[in-house]
């Protein structure tokens, strides 16, 4: 099974398609700023659950965030859990850089 993931910026989400099918097998919605991308919701069609579609979505989205120099705010539980299981991506998790002054 081949999973193809693409960013659809006008819809503010990544979409996964399987074996060239026209229908969306999964999606990951995001909010992007100049500094970070917050992943807010991930959904995989029941027909494709447990077949690597969610992992393909997360890996592609995180790799593209890294390439763009963006931090990642994983508010979606699926993204947060996936990052927790893949320590090589933990460096992407956004940390506020603002300083509080007296």
PDB file of N, CA and C in Angstrom:
ATOM      1  N   UNK A   1       0.841  -1.181   0.000  1.00  0.00           N
ATOM      2  CA  UNK A   1       0.000   0.000   0.000  1.00  0.00           C
ATOM      3  C   UNK A   1       0.884   1.241   0.000  1.00  0.00           C
ATOM      4  N   UNK A   2       0.725   2.094  -0.988  1.00  0.00           N
ATOM      5  CA  UNK A   2       1.491   3.332  -1.084  1.00  0.00           C
ATOM      6  C   UNK A   2       0.656   4.500  -0.575  1.00  0.00           C
ATOM      7  N   UNK A   3       1.200   5.235   0.400  1.00  0.00           N
ATOM      8  CA  UNK A   3       0.525   6.403   0.964  1.00  0.00           C
ATOM      9  C   UNK A   3       1.227   7.644   0.451  1.00  0.00           C
ATOM     10  N   UNK A   4       0.468   8.536  -0.173  1.00  0.00           N
ATOM     11  CA  UNK A   4       1.010   9.807  -0.662  1.00  0.00           C
ATOM     12  C   UNK A   4       0.405  10.927   0.178  1.00  0.00           C
ATOM     13  N   UNK A   5       1.277  11.751   0.759  1.00  0.00           N
ATOM     14  CA  UNK A   5       0.838  12.852   1.614  1.00  0.00           C
ATOM     15  C   UNK A   5       1.214  14.159   0.949  1.00  0.00           C
ATOM     16  N   UNK A   6       0.270  15.095   0.931  1.00  0.00           N
ATOM     17  CA  UNK A   6       0.555  16.407   0.354  1.00  0.00           C
ATOM     18  C   UNK A   6      -0.048  17.504   1.224  1.00  0.00           C
ATOM     19  N   UNK A   7       0.634  18.643   1.227  1.00  0.00           N
ATOM     20  CA  UNK A   7       0.157  19.818   1.936  1.00  0.00           C
ATOM     21  C   UNK A   7      -0.864  20.514   1.045  1.00  0.00           C
ATOM     22  N   UNK A   8      -1.984  20.893   1.624  1.00  0.00           N
ATOM     23  CA  UNK A   8      -3.020  21.634   0.906  1.00  0.00           C
ATOM     24  C   UNK A   8      -3.213  22.940   1.687  1.00  0.00           C
ATOM     25  N   UNK A   9      -2.341  23.926   1.437  1.00  0.00           N
ATOM     26  CA  UNK A   9      -2.345  25.134   2.261  1.00  0.00           C
ATOM     27  C   UNK A   9      -3.670  25.896   2.262  1.00  0.00           C
ATOM     28  N   UNK A  10      -4.386  25.896   1.134  1.00  0.00           N
ATOM     29  CA  UNK A  10      -5.649  26.627   1.095  1.00  0.00           C
ATOM     30  C   UNK A  10      -6.700  26.001   2.020  1.00  0.00           C
ATOM     31  N   UNK A  11      -6.556  24.728   2.339  1.00  0.00           N
ATOM     32  CA  UNK A  11      -7.452  24.046   3.284  1.00  0.00           C
ATOM     33  C   UNK A  11      -6.833  23.952   4.678  1.00  0.00           C
ATOM     34  N   UNK A  12      -5.575  24.389   4.808  1.00  0.00           N
ATOM     35  CA  UNK A  12      -4.826  24.343   6.068  1.00  0.00           C
ATOM     36  C   UNK A  12      -4.768  22.921   6.619  1.00  0.00           C
ATOM     37  N   UNK A  13      -4.358  22.005   5.745  1.00  0.00           N
ATOM     38  CA  UNK A  13      -4.240  20.623   6.176  1.00  0.00           C
ATOM     39  C   UNK A  13      -3.356  19.820   5.233  1.00  0.00           C
ATOM     40  N   UNK A  14      -2.847  18.731   5.781  1.00  0.00           N
ATOM     41  CA  UNK A  14      -2.166  17.716   4.977  1.00  0.00           C
ATOM     42  C   UNK A  14      -3.212  16.654   4.661  1.00  0.00           C
ATOM     43  N   UNK A  15      -3.133  16.097   3.461  1.00  0.00           N
ATOM     44  CA  UNK A  15      -4.044  15.045   3.058  1.00  0.00           C
ATOM     45  C   UNK A  15      -3.259  13.812   2.638  1.00  0.00           C
ATOM     46  N   UNK A  16      -3.761  12.655   3.008  1.00  0.00           N
ATOM     47  CA  UNK A  16      -3.142  11.385   2.617  1.00  0.00           C
ATOM     48  C   UNK A  16      -4.093  10.661   1.676  1.00  0.00           C
ATOM     49  N   UNK A  17      -3.507  10.151   0.607  1.00  0.00           N
ATOM     50  CA  UNK A  17      -4.246   9.323  -0.341  1.00  0.00           C
ATOM     51  C   UNK A  17      -3.502   7.998  -0.478  1.00  0.00           C
ATOM     52  N   UNK A  18      -4.253   6.934  -0.714  1.00  0.00           N
ATOM     53  CA  UNK A  18      -3.671   5.599  -0.774  1.00  0.00           C
ATOM     54  C   UNK A  18      -3.772   5.054  -2.192  1.00  0.00           C
ATOM     55  N   UNK A  19      -2.632   4.557  -2.685  1.00  0.00           N
ATOM     56  CA  UNK A  19      -2.565   3.913  -3.997  1.00  0.00           C
ATOM     57  C   UNK A  19      -3.204   4.727  -5.113  1.00  0.00           C
ATOM     58  N   UNK A  20      -3.002   6.040  -5.067  1.00  0.00           N
ATOM     59  CA  UNK A  20      -3.487   6.903  -6.136  1.00  0.00           C
ATOM     60  C   UNK A  20      -4.983   7.141  -6.148  1.00  0.00           C
ATOM     61  N   UNK A  21      -5.702   6.695  -5.125  1.00  0.00           N
ATOM     62  CA  UNK A  21      -7.153   6.904  -5.069  1.00  0.00           C
ATOM     63  C   UNK A  21      -7.461   8.391  -4.957  1.00  0.00           C
ATOM     64  N   UNK A  22      -8.590   8.797  -5.491  1.00  0.00           N
ATOM     65  CA  UNK A  22      -8.956  10.207  -5.460  1.00  0.00           C
ATOM     66  C   UNK A  22      -9.466  10.640  -4.091  1.00  0.00           C
ATOM     67  N   UNK A  23     -10.024   9.724  -3.314  1.00  0.00           N
ATOM     68  CA  UNK A  23     -10.547  10.066  -2.001  1.00  0.00           C
ATOM     69  C   UNK A  23      -9.447  10.237  -0.970  1.00  0.00           C
ATOM     70  N   UNK A  24      -9.741  11.030   0.044  1.00  0.00           N
ATOM     71  CA  UNK A  24      -8.782  11.284   1.119  1.00  0.00           C
ATOM     72  C   UNK A  24      -8.889  10.164   2.154  1.00  0.00           C
ATOM     73  N   UNK A  25      -7.752   9.525   2.446  1.00  0.00           N
ATOM     74  CA  UNK A  25      -7.706   8.458   3.442  1.00  0.00           C
ATOM     75  C   UNK A  25      -7.477   9.005   4.841  1.00  0.00           C
ATOM     76  N   UNK A  26      -6.886  10.192   4.921  1.00  0.00           N
ATOM     77  CA  UNK A  26      -6.619  10.813   6.204  1.00  0.00           C
ATOM     78  C   UNK A  26      -6.232  12.260   6.022  1.00  0.00           C
ATOM     79  N   UNK A  27      -6.310  13.022   7.117  1.00  0.00           N
ATOM     80  CA  UNK A  27      -5.940  14.431   7.057  1.00  0.00           C
ATOM     81  C   UNK A  27      -5.407  14.889   8.397  1.00  0.00           C
ATOM     82  N   UNK A  28      -4.601  15.933   8.349  1.00  0.00           N
ATOM     83  CA  UNK A  28      -4.058  16.560   9.551  1.00  0.00           C
ATOM     84  C   UNK A  28      -4.229  18.063   9.397  1.00  0.00           C
ATOM     85  N   UNK A  29      -5.106  18.658  10.205  1.00  0.00           N
ATOM     86  CA  UNK A  29      -5.367  20.092  10.132  1.00  0.00           C
ATOM     87  C   UNK A  29      -4.330  20.852  10.957  1.00  0.00           C
ATOM     88  N   UNK A  30      -3.985  22.048  10.477  1.00  0.00           N
ATOM     89  CA  UNK A  30      -2.979  22.834  11.174  1.00  0.00           C
ATOM     90  C   UNK A  30      -3.293  24.320  11.129  1.00  0.00           C
ATOM     91  N   UNK A  31      -2.609  25.052  12.013  1.00  0.00           N
ATOM     92  CA  UNK A  31      -2.584  26.513  12.012  1.00  0.00           C
ATOM     93  C   UNK A  31      -1.117  26.882  11.917  1.00  0.00           C
ATOM     94  N   UNK A  32      -0.765  27.677  10.921  1.00  0.00           N
ATOM     95  CA  UNK A  32       0.641  28.020  10.694  1.00  0.00           C
ATOM     96  C   UNK A  32       0.868  29.507  10.925  1.00  0.00           C
ATOM     97  N   UNK A  33       1.964  29.822  11.607  1.00  0.00           N
ATOM     98  CA  UNK A  33       2.410  31.200  11.770  1.00  0.00           C
ATOM     99  C   UNK A  33       3.821  31.284  11.191  1.00  0.00           C
ATOM    100  N   UNK A  34       4.424  32.445  11.279  1.00  0.00           N
ATOM    101  CA  UNK A  34       5.786  32.614  10.772  1.00  0.00           C
ATOM    102  C   UNK A  34       6.792  31.812  11.592  1.00  0.00           C
ATOM    103  N   UNK A  35       6.430  31.471  12.827  1.00  0.00           N
ATOM    104  CA  UNK A  35       7.353  30.825  13.756  1.00  0.00           C
ATOM    105  C   UNK A  35       7.074  29.340  13.993  1.00  0.00           C
ATOM    106  N   UNK A  36       5.805  28.955  13.856  1.00  0.00           N
ATOM    107  CA  UNK A  36       5.458  27.582  14.204  1.00  0.00           C
ATOM    108  C   UNK A  36       4.248  27.093  13.427  1.00  0.00           C
ATOM    109  N   UNK A  37       4.036  25.792  13.523  1.00  0.00           N
ATOM    110  CA  UNK A  37       2.839  25.167  12.980  1.00  0.00           C
ATOM    111  C   UNK A  37       2.214  24.343  14.101  1.00  0.00           C
ATOM    112  N   UNK A  38       0.934  24.619  14.370  1.00  0.00           N
ATOM    113  CA  UNK A  38       0.196  23.887  15.396  1.00  0.00           C
ATOM    114  C   UNK A  38      -0.679  22.853  14.706  1.00  0.00           C
ATOM    115  N   UNK A  39      -0.499  21.608  15.077  1.00  0.00           N
ATOM    116  CA  UNK A  39      -1.318  20.540  14.522  1.00  0.00           C
ATOM    117  C   UNK A  39      -2.478  20.321  15.483  1.00  0.00           C
ATOM    118  N   UNK A  40      -3.695  20.573  14.994  1.00  0.00           N
ATOM    119  CA  UNK A  40      -4.859  20.637  15.873  1.00  0.00           C
ATOM    120  C   UNK A  40      -5.813  19.446  15.751  1.00  0.00           C
ATOM    121  N   UNK A  41      -5.749  18.718  14.649  1.00  0.00           N
ATOM    122  CA  UNK A  41      -6.686  17.600  14.477  1.00  0.00           C
ATOM    123  C   UNK A  41      -6.157  16.649  13.413  1.00  0.00           C
ATOM    124  N   UNK A  42      -6.227  15.365  13.705  1.00  0.00           N
ATOM    125  CA  UNK A  42      -5.840  14.332  12.745  1.00  0.00           C
ATOM    126  C   UNK A  42      -6.984  13.336  12.650  1.00  0.00           C
ATOM    127  N   UNK A  43      -7.255  12.926  11.433  1.00  0.00           N
ATOM    128  CA  UNK A  43      -8.364  12.005  11.193  1.00  0.00           C
ATOM    129  C   UNK A  43      -7.957  11.006  10.114  1.00  0.00           C
ATOM    130  N   UNK A  44      -8.227   9.730  10.359  1.00  0.00           N
ATOM    131  CA  UNK A  44      -7.967   8.682   9.369  1.00  0.00           C
ATOM    132  C   UNK A  44      -9.272   7.933   9.140  1.00  0.00           C
ATOM    133  N   UNK A  45      -9.605   7.708   7.892  1.00  0.00           N
ATOM    134  CA  UNK A  45     -10.813   6.962   7.540  1.00  0.00           C
ATOM    135  C   UNK A  45     -10.759   5.577   8.188  1.00  0.00           C
ATOM    136  N   UNK A  46     -11.878   5.102   8.713  1.00  0.00           N
ATOM    137  CA  UNK A  46     -11.889   3.767   9.341  1.00  0.00           C
ATOM    138  C   UNK A  46     -11.353   2.663   8.419  1.00  0.00           C
ATOM    139  N   UNK A  47     -11.517   2.826   7.115  1.00  0.00           N
ATOM    140  CA  UNK A  47     -11.009   1.818   6.171  1.00  0.00           C
ATOM    141  C   UNK A  47      -9.489   1.710   6.182  1.00  0.00           C
ATOM    142  N   UNK A  48      -8.808   2.762   6.678  1.00  0.00           N
ATOM    143  CA  UNK A  48      -7.344   2.792   6.629  1.00  0.00           C
ATOM    144  C   UNK A  48      -6.689   2.828   8.002  1.00  0.00           C
ATOM    145  N   UNK A  49      -7.473   2.740   9.065  1.00  0.00           N
ATOM    146  CA  UNK A  49      -6.889   2.753  10.410  1.00  0.00           C
ATOM    147  C   UNK A  49      -5.956   1.563  10.597  1.00  0.00           C
ATOM    148  N   UNK A  50      -4.847   1.814  11.279  1.00  0.00           N
ATOM    149  CA  UNK A  50      -3.897   0.753  11.572  1.00  0.00           C
ATOM    150  C   UNK A  50      -3.042   0.334  10.396  1.00  0.00           C
ATOM    151  N   UNK A  51      -3.053   1.126   9.324  1.00  0.00           N
ATOM    152  CA  UNK A  51      -2.304   0.754   8.120  1.00  0.00           C
ATOM    153  C   UNK A  51      -1.202   1.763   7.774  1.00  0.00           C
ATOM    154  N   UNK A  52      -0.864   2.631   8.731  1.00  0.00           N
ATOM    155  CA  UNK A  52       0.253   3.547   8.533  1.00  0.00           C
ATOM    156  C   UNK A  52      -0.090   4.893   7.939  1.00  0.00           C
ATOM    157  N   UNK A  53      -1.377   5.156   7.695  1.00  0.00           N
ATOM    158  CA  UNK A  53      -1.765   6.438   7.099  1.00  0.00           C
ATOM    159  C   UNK A  53      -1.491   7.586   8.069  1.00  0.00           C
ATOM    160  N   UNK A  54      -1.874   7.420   9.340  1.00  0.00           N
ATOM    161  CA  UNK A  54      -1.631   8.470  10.332  1.00  0.00           C
ATOM    162  C   UNK A  54      -0.152   8.743  10.512  1.00  0.00           C
ATOM    163  N   UNK A  55       0.644   7.701  10.572  1.00  0.00           N
ATOM    164  CA  UNK A  55       2.095   7.872  10.710  1.00  0.00           C
ATOM    165  C   UNK A  55       2.686   8.595   9.506  1.00  0.00           C
ATOM    166  N   UNK A  56       2.206   8.278   8.316  1.00  0.00           N
ATOM    167  CA  UNK A  56       2.694   8.954   7.109  1.00  0.00           C
ATOM    168  C   UNK A  56       2.339  10.438   7.152  1.00  0.00           C
ATOM    169  N   UNK A  57       1.137  10.762   7.615  1.00  0.00           N
ATOM    170  CA  UNK A  57       0.734  12.166   7.749  1.00  0.00           C
ATOM    171  C   UNK A  57       1.668  12.906   8.699  1.00  0.00           C
ATOM    172  N   UNK A  58       1.880  12.334   9.879  1.00  0.00           N
ATOM    173  CA  UNK A  58       2.705  12.999  10.889  1.00  0.00           C
ATOM    174  C   UNK A  58       4.141  13.139  10.411  1.00  0.00           C
ATOM    175  N   UNK A  59       4.714  12.079   9.903  1.00  0.00           N
ATOM    176  CA  UNK A  59       6.113  12.123   9.475  1.00  0.00           C
ATOM    177  C   UNK A  59       6.326  13.166   8.372  1.00  0.00           C
ATOM    178  N   UNK A  60       5.450  13.195   7.392  1.00  0.00           N
ATOM    179  CA  UNK A  60       5.584  14.176   6.302  1.00  0.00           C
ATOM    180  C   UNK A  60       5.438  15.588   6.834  1.00  0.00           C
ATOM    181  N   UNK A  61       4.430  15.822   7.663  1.00  0.00           N
ATOM    182  CA  UNK A  61       4.202  17.163   8.208  1.00  0.00           C
ATOM    183  C   UNK A  61       5.388  17.628   9.054  1.00  0.00           C
ATOM    184  N   UNK A  62       5.919  16.742   9.885  1.00  0.00           N
ATOM    185  CA  UNK A  62       7.056  17.118  10.728  1.00  0.00           C
ATOM    186  C   UNK A  62       8.321  17.324   9.908  1.00  0.00           C
ATOM    187  N   UNK A  63       8.544  16.500   8.915  1.00  0.00           N
ATOM    188  CA  UNK A  63       9.717  16.681   8.058  1.00  0.00           C
ATOM    189  C   UNK A  63       9.644  18.015   7.321  1.00  0.00           C
ATOM    190  N   UNK A  64       8.459  18.389   6.870  1.00  0.00           N
ATOM    191  CA  UNK A  64       8.311  19.677   6.175  1.00  0.00           C
ATOM    192  C   UNK A  64       8.458  20.852   7.138  1.00  0.00           C
ATOM    193  N   UNK A  65       7.976  20.702   8.377  1.00  0.00           N
ATOM    194  CA  UNK A  65       8.169  21.755   9.384  1.00  0.00           C
ATOM    195  C   UNK A  65       9.657  21.934   9.660  1.00  0.00           C
ATOM    196  N   UNK A  66      10.377  20.830   9.792  1.00  0.00           N
ATOM    197  CA  UNK A  66      11.820  20.897  10.024  1.00  0.00           C
ATOM    198  C   UNK A  66      12.519  21.610   8.866  1.00  0.00           C
ATOM    199  N   UNK A  67      12.178  21.240   7.650  1.00  0.00           N
ATOM    200  CA  UNK A  67      12.804  21.841   6.468  1.00  0.00           C
ATOM    201  C   UNK A  67      12.521  23.341   6.387  1.00  0.00           C
ATOM    202  N   UNK A  68      11.364  23.765   6.884  1.00  0.00           N
ATOM    203  CA  UNK A  68      10.993  25.183   6.849  1.00  0.00           C
ATOM    204  C   UNK A  68      11.500  25.945   8.072  1.00  0.00           C
ATOM    205  N   UNK A  69      12.130  25.249   9.011  1.00  0.00           N
ATOM    206  CA  UNK A  69      12.645  25.894  10.212  1.00  0.00           C
ATOM    207  C   UNK A  69      11.559  26.303  11.194  1.00  0.00           C
ATOM    208  N   UNK A  70      10.435  25.588  11.182  1.00  0.00           N
ATOM    209  CA  UNK A  70       9.308  25.918  12.057  1.00  0.00           C
ATOM    210  C   UNK A  70       9.284  25.013  13.282  1.00  0.00           C
ATOM    211  N   UNK A  71       8.880  25.584  14.410  1.00  0.00           N
ATOM    212  CA  UNK A  71       8.608  24.778  15.580  1.00  0.00           C
ATOM    213  C   UNK A  71       7.254  24.111  15.404  1.00  0.00           C
ATOM    214  N   UNK A  72       6.990  23.118  16.223  1.00  0.00           N
ATOM    215  CA  UNK A  72       5.740  22.363  16.128  1.00  0.00           C
ATOM    216  C   UNK A  72       5.034  22.400  17.478  1.00  0.00           C
ATOM    217  N   UNK A  73       3.757  22.725  17.445  1.00  0.00           N
ATOM    218  CA  UNK A  73       2.920  22.697  18.638  1.00  0.00           C
ATOM    219  C   UNK A  73       1.906  21.570  18.440  1.00  0.00           C
ATOM    220  N   UNK A  74       2.154  20.405  19.051  1.00  0.00           N
ATOM    221  CA  UNK A  74       1.295  19.241  18.816  1.00  0.00           C
ATOM    222  C   UNK A  74       0.079  19.231  19.749  1.00  0.00           C
ATOM    223  N   UNK A  75      -0.927  20.072  19.474  1.00  0.00           N
ATOM    224  CA  UNK A  75      -2.120  20.089  20.322  1.00  0.00           C
ATOM    225  C   UNK A  75      -3.021  18.887  20.057  1.00  0.00           C
ATOM    226  N   UNK A  76      -2.887  18.291  18.901  1.00  0.00           N
ATOM    227  CA  UNK A  76      -3.631  17.070  18.571  1.00  0.00           C
ATOM    228  C   UNK A  76      -3.005  15.897  19.331  1.00  0.00           C
ATOM    229  N   UNK A  77      -3.808  15.117  20.051  1.00  0.00           N
ATOM    230  CA  UNK A  77      -3.255  13.981  20.807  1.00  0.00           C
ATOM    231  C   UNK A  77      -2.512  12.969  19.941  1.00  0.00           C
ATOM    232  N   UNK A  78      -2.941  12.776  18.708  1.00  0.00           N
ATOM    233  CA  UNK A  78      -2.254  11.820  17.836  1.00  0.00           C
ATOM    234  C   UNK A  78      -0.836  12.302  17.545  1.00  0.00           C
ATOM    235  N   UNK A  79      -0.679  13.588  17.199  1.00  0.00           N
ATOM    236  CA  UNK A  79       0.653  14.147  16.947  1.00  0.00           C
ATOM    237  C   UNK A  79       1.508  14.077  18.202  1.00  0.00           C
ATOM    238  N   UNK A  80       0.953  14.466  19.346  1.00  0.00           N
ATOM    239  CA  UNK A  80       1.721  14.461  20.600  1.00  0.00           C
ATOM    240  C   UNK A  80       2.195  13.053  20.937  1.00  0.00           C
ATOM    241  N   UNK A  81       1.315  12.071  20.806  1.00  0.00           N
ATOM    242  CA  UNK A  81       1.684  10.693  21.101  1.00  0.00           C
ATOM    243  C   UNK A  81       2.728  10.157  20.143  1.00  0.00           C
ATOM    244  N   UNK A  82       2.599  10.506  18.869  1.00  0.00           N
ATOM    245  CA  UNK A  82       3.545  10.035  17.860  1.00  0.00           C
ATOM    246  C   UNK A  82       4.940  10.600  18.135  1.00  0.00           C
ATOM    247  N   UNK A  83       4.999  11.885  18.458  1.00  0.00           N
ATOM    248  CA  UNK A  83       6.283  12.515  18.767  1.00  0.00           C
ATOM    249  C   UNK A  83       6.892  11.885  20.020  1.00  0.00           C
ATOM    250  N   UNK A  84       6.072  11.581  21.004  1.00  0.00           N
ATOM    251  CA  UNK A  84       6.580  10.944  22.230  1.00  0.00           C
ATOM    252  C   UNK A  84       7.220   9.591  21.923  1.00  0.00           C
ATOM    253  N   UNK A  85       6.717   8.893  20.916  1.00  0.00           N
ATOM    254  CA  UNK A  85       7.269   7.577  20.547  1.00  0.00           C
ATOM    255  C   UNK A  85       8.425   7.672  19.554  1.00  0.00           C
ATOM    256  N   UNK A  86       8.694   8.858  19.039  1.00  0.00           N
ATOM    257  CA  UNK A  86       9.767   9.058  18.046  1.00  0.00           C
ATOM    258  C   UNK A  86      10.664  10.207  18.502  1.00  0.00           C
ATOM    259  N   UNK A  87      11.606   9.916  19.393  1.00  0.00           N
ATOM    260  CA  UNK A  87      12.425  10.977  19.992  1.00  0.00           C
ATOM    261  C   UNK A  87      13.212  11.810  18.985  1.00  0.00           C
ATOM    262  N   UNK A  88      13.443  11.290  17.799  1.00  0.00           N
ATOM    263  CA  UNK A  88      14.192  12.052  16.797  1.00  0.00           C
ATOM    264  C   UNK A  88      13.428  13.292  16.325  1.00  0.00           C
ATOM    265  N   UNK A  89      12.160  13.427  16.711  1.00  0.00           N
ATOM    266  CA  UNK A  89      11.359  14.593  16.331  1.00  0.00           C
ATOM    267  C   UNK A  89      11.081  15.529  17.509  1.00  0.00           C
ATOM    268  N   UNK A  90      11.499  15.175  18.699  1.00  0.00           N
ATOM    269  CA  UNK A  90      11.192  15.985  19.889  1.00  0.00           C
ATOM    270  C   UNK A  90      11.812  17.376  19.838  1.00  0.00           C
ATOM    271  N   UNK A  91      12.911  17.517  19.121  1.00  0.00           N
ATOM    272  CA  UNK A  91      13.553  18.833  19.034  1.00  0.00           C
ATOM    273  C   UNK A  91      12.679  19.852  18.298  1.00  0.00           C
ATOM    274  N   UNK A  92      11.677  19.394  17.581  1.00  0.00           N
ATOM    275  CA  UNK A  92      10.782  20.304  16.855  1.00  0.00           C
ATOM    276  C   UNK A  92       9.718  20.938  17.741  1.00  0.00           C
ATOM    277  N   UNK A  93       9.452  20.343  18.900  1.00  0.00           N
ATOM    278  CA  UNK A  93       8.371  20.826  19.747  1.00  0.00           C
ATOM    279  C   UNK A  93       8.666  22.261  20.164  1.00  0.00           C
ATOM    280  N   UNK A  94       7.707  23.111  19.904  1.00  0.00           N
ATOM    281  CA  UNK A  94       7.854  24.559  20.130  1.00  0.00           C
ATOM    282  C   UNK A  94       8.019  24.884  21.601  1.00  0.00           C
ATOM    283  N   UNK A  95       8.965  25.762  21.890  1.00  0.00           N
ATOM    284  CA  UNK A  95       9.187  26.311  23.211  1.00  0.00           C
ATOM    285  C   UNK A  95       9.155  27.828  23.062  1.00  0.00           C
ATOM    286  N   UNK A  96       8.356  28.472  23.852  1.00  0.00           N
ATOM    287  CA  UNK A  96       8.254  29.931  23.777  1.00  0.00           C
ATOM    288  C   UNK A  96       9.613  30.564  24.015  1.00  0.00           C
ATOM    289  N   UNK A  97       9.924  31.529  23.202  1.00  0.00           N
ATOM    290  CA  UNK A  97      11.219  32.214  23.334  1.00  0.00           C
ATOM    291  C   UNK A  97      11.075  33.605  23.934  1.00  0.00           C
ATOM    292  N   UNK A  98       9.867  33.952  24.354  1.00  0.00           N
ATOM    293  CA  UNK A  98       9.652  35.285  24.916  1.00  0.00           C
ATOM    294  C   UNK A  98      10.193  35.341  26.328  1.00  0.00           C
ATOM    295  N   UNK A  99      10.610  36.524  26.727  1.00  0.00           N
ATOM    296  CA  UNK A  99      11.130  36.722  28.067  1.00  0.00           C
ATOM    297  C   UNK A  99      10.205  37.699  28.794  1.00  0.00           C
ATOM    298  N   UNK A 100       9.993  37.381  30.057  1.00  0.00           N
ATOM    299  CA  UNK A 100       9.182  38.254  30.880  1.00  0.00           C
ATOM    300  C   UNK A 100      10.118  39.268  31.530  1.00  0.00           C
ATOM    301  N   UNK A 101       9.778  40.535  31.407  1.00  0.00           N
ATOM    302  CA  UNK A 101      10.638  41.560  32.012  1.00  0.00           C
ATOM    303  C   UNK A 101       9.952  42.131  33.233  1.00  0.00           C
ATOM    304  N   UNK A 102      10.764  42.630  34.155  1.00  0.00           N
ATOM    305  CA  UNK A 102      10.236  43.229  35.405  1.00  0.00           C
ATOM    306  C   UNK A 102       9.774  44.625  35.163  1.00  0.00           C
TER     307      UNK A 102
END
